[in-house]
Amino acid sequence: MMDEVLRNHLATDGRSFYELAGLCCCEPDVLYRFRDGKDIRLATAAKLANVLGLALAPTKATTKRKAPRKKP
């Protein structure tokens, strides 16, 4: 989900990947590979989101997680 949002904004931003990479402090190849479906590190995704003007926001979870069981 987060990757789809980033890819959509990356595709419609209008700035070159070279410029965005400079602002994200990563190599342009990282952004090209991400555009083509590869994964990027969370730190890079956070920087990219910031450069694109995006932020993570909490939403209501659709399922509740169970607490992990403690071993006896």
C-alpha atoms as a PDB file:
ATOM      1  CA  MET A   1       0.000   0.000   0.000  1.00  0.00           C
ATOM      2  CA  MET A   2       2.638   2.522   0.986  1.00  0.00           C
ATOM      3  CA  ASP A   3       4.737   1.525  -1.994  1.00  0.00           C
ATOM      4  CA  GLU A   4       1.814   2.138  -4.373  1.00  0.00           C
ATOM      5  CA  VAL A   5       1.251   5.630  -2.982  1.00  0.00           C
ATOM      6  CA  LEU A   6       4.946   6.464  -3.272  1.00  0.00           C
ATOM      7  CA  ARG A   7       5.154   5.112  -6.818  1.00  0.00           C
ATOM      8  CA  ASN A   8       2.059   7.069  -7.908  1.00  0.00           C
ATOM      9  CA  HIS A   9       3.409  10.321  -6.475  1.00  0.00           C
ATOM     10  CA  LEU A  10       6.848   9.605  -7.895  1.00  0.00           C
ATOM     11  CA  ALA A  11       5.354   9.160 -11.361  1.00  0.00           C
ATOM     12  CA  THR A  12       3.298  12.364 -11.220  1.00  0.00           C
ATOM     13  CA  ASP A  13       5.711  14.649  -9.346  1.00  0.00           C
ATOM     14  CA  GLY A  14       7.212  16.273 -12.428  1.00  0.00           C
ATOM     15  CA  ARG A  15      10.764  16.510 -11.095  1.00  0.00           C
ATOM     16  CA  SER A  16      13.510  14.350 -12.530  1.00  0.00           C
ATOM     17  CA  PHE A  17      14.660  11.263 -10.683  1.00  0.00           C
ATOM     18  CA  TYR A  18      18.104  12.850 -10.532  1.00  0.00           C
ATOM     19  CA  GLU A  19      16.697  15.870  -8.664  1.00  0.00           C
ATOM     20  CA  LEU A  20      14.549  13.741  -6.351  1.00  0.00           C
ATOM     21  CA  ALA A  21      17.472  11.443  -5.600  1.00  0.00           C
ATOM     22  CA  GLY A  22      19.585  14.449  -4.642  1.00  0.00           C
ATOM     23  CA  LEU A  23      16.886  15.640  -2.269  1.00  0.00           C
ATOM     24  CA  CYS A  24      16.527  12.122  -0.808  1.00  0.00           C
ATOM     25  CA  CYS A  25      20.295  11.614  -0.508  1.00  0.00           C
ATOM     26  CA  CYS A  26      20.178   8.424  -2.559  1.00  0.00           C
ATOM     27  CA  GLU A  27      21.311   7.339  -6.005  1.00  0.00           C
ATOM     28  CA  PRO A  28      18.927   7.895  -8.936  1.00  0.00           C
ATOM     29  CA  ASP A  29      19.201   4.174  -9.730  1.00  0.00           C
ATOM     30  CA  VAL A  30      17.444   3.429  -6.430  1.00  0.00           C
ATOM     31  CA  LEU A  31      14.428   5.429  -7.590  1.00  0.00           C
ATOM     32  CA  TYR A  32      14.475   3.880 -11.072  1.00  0.00           C
ATOM     33  CA  ARG A  33      14.546   0.376  -9.573  1.00  0.00           C
ATOM     34  CA  PHE A  34      11.754   1.312  -7.141  1.00  0.00           C
ATOM     35  CA  ARG A  35       9.659   2.626 -10.047  1.00  0.00           C
ATOM     36  CA  ASP A  36      10.214  -0.696 -11.811  1.00  0.00           C
ATOM     37  CA  GLY A  37       8.921  -2.713  -8.847  1.00  0.00           C
ATOM     38  CA  LYS A  38      11.934  -3.327  -6.624  1.00  0.00           C
ATOM     39  CA  ASP A  39      11.875  -2.571  -2.902  1.00  0.00           C
ATOM     40  CA  ILE A  40      13.610   0.308  -1.148  1.00  0.00           C
ATOM     41  CA  ARG A  41      14.713   0.640   2.445  1.00  0.00           C
ATOM     42  CA  LEU A  42      12.315   2.162   4.938  1.00  0.00           C
ATOM     43  CA  ALA A  43      14.684   5.069   5.587  1.00  0.00           C
ATOM     44  CA  THR A  44      14.770   5.866   1.861  1.00  0.00           C
ATOM     45  CA  ALA A  45      10.979   5.569   1.650  1.00  0.00           C
ATOM     46  CA  ALA A  46      10.632   8.014   4.550  1.00  0.00           C
ATOM     47  CA  LYS A  47      12.967  10.508   2.875  1.00  0.00           C
ATOM     48  CA  LEU A  48      11.151  10.123  -0.439  1.00  0.00           C
ATOM     49  CA  ALA A  49       7.772  10.614   1.225  1.00  0.00           C
ATOM     50  CA  ASN A  50       9.036  13.774   2.891  1.00  0.00           C
ATOM     51  CA  VAL A  51      10.387  15.156  -0.404  1.00  0.00           C
ATOM     52  CA  LEU A  52       7.083  14.347  -2.119  1.00  0.00           C
ATOM     53  CA  GLY A  53       5.133  16.079   0.667  1.00  0.00           C
ATOM     54  CA  LEU A  54       3.638  12.904   2.082  1.00  0.00           C
ATOM     55  CA  ALA A  55       3.375  11.722   5.673  1.00  0.00           C
ATOM     56  CA  LEU A  56       2.324   8.548   7.427  1.00  0.00           C
ATOM     57  CA  ALA A  57      -0.933   8.853   9.311  1.00  0.00           C
ATOM     58  CA  PRO A  58      -2.662   6.376  11.594  1.00  0.00           C
ATOM     59  CA  THR A  59      -5.807   4.681  10.367  1.00  0.00           C
ATOM     60  CA  LYS A  60      -8.233   2.345  12.022  1.00  0.00           C
ATOM     61  CA  ALA A  61      -6.912  -1.176  11.740  1.00  0.00           C
ATOM     62  CA  THR A  62      -9.154  -3.553   9.842  1.00  0.00           C
ATOM     63  CA  THR A  63      -8.082  -6.481  12.006  1.00  0.00           C
ATOM     64  CA  LYS A  64      -6.885  -6.586  15.556  1.00  0.00           C
ATOM     65  CA  ARG A  65      -3.612  -8.279  16.303  1.00  0.00           C
ATOM     66  CA  LYS A  66      -3.500 -10.788  19.069  1.00  0.00           C
ATOM     67  CA  ALA A  67      -0.957 -10.279  21.790  1.00  0.00           C
ATOM     68  CA  PRO A  68       1.928 -12.731  21.512  1.00  0.00           C
ATOM     69  CA  ARG A  69       1.671 -15.747  23.763  1.00  0.00           C
ATOM     70  CA  LYS A  70       4.041 -15.986  26.640  1.00  0.00           C
ATOM     71  CA  LYS A  71       5.890 -19.245  26.944  1.00  0.00           C
ATOM     72  CA  PRO A  72       5.164 -21.149  30.176  1.00  0.00           C
END
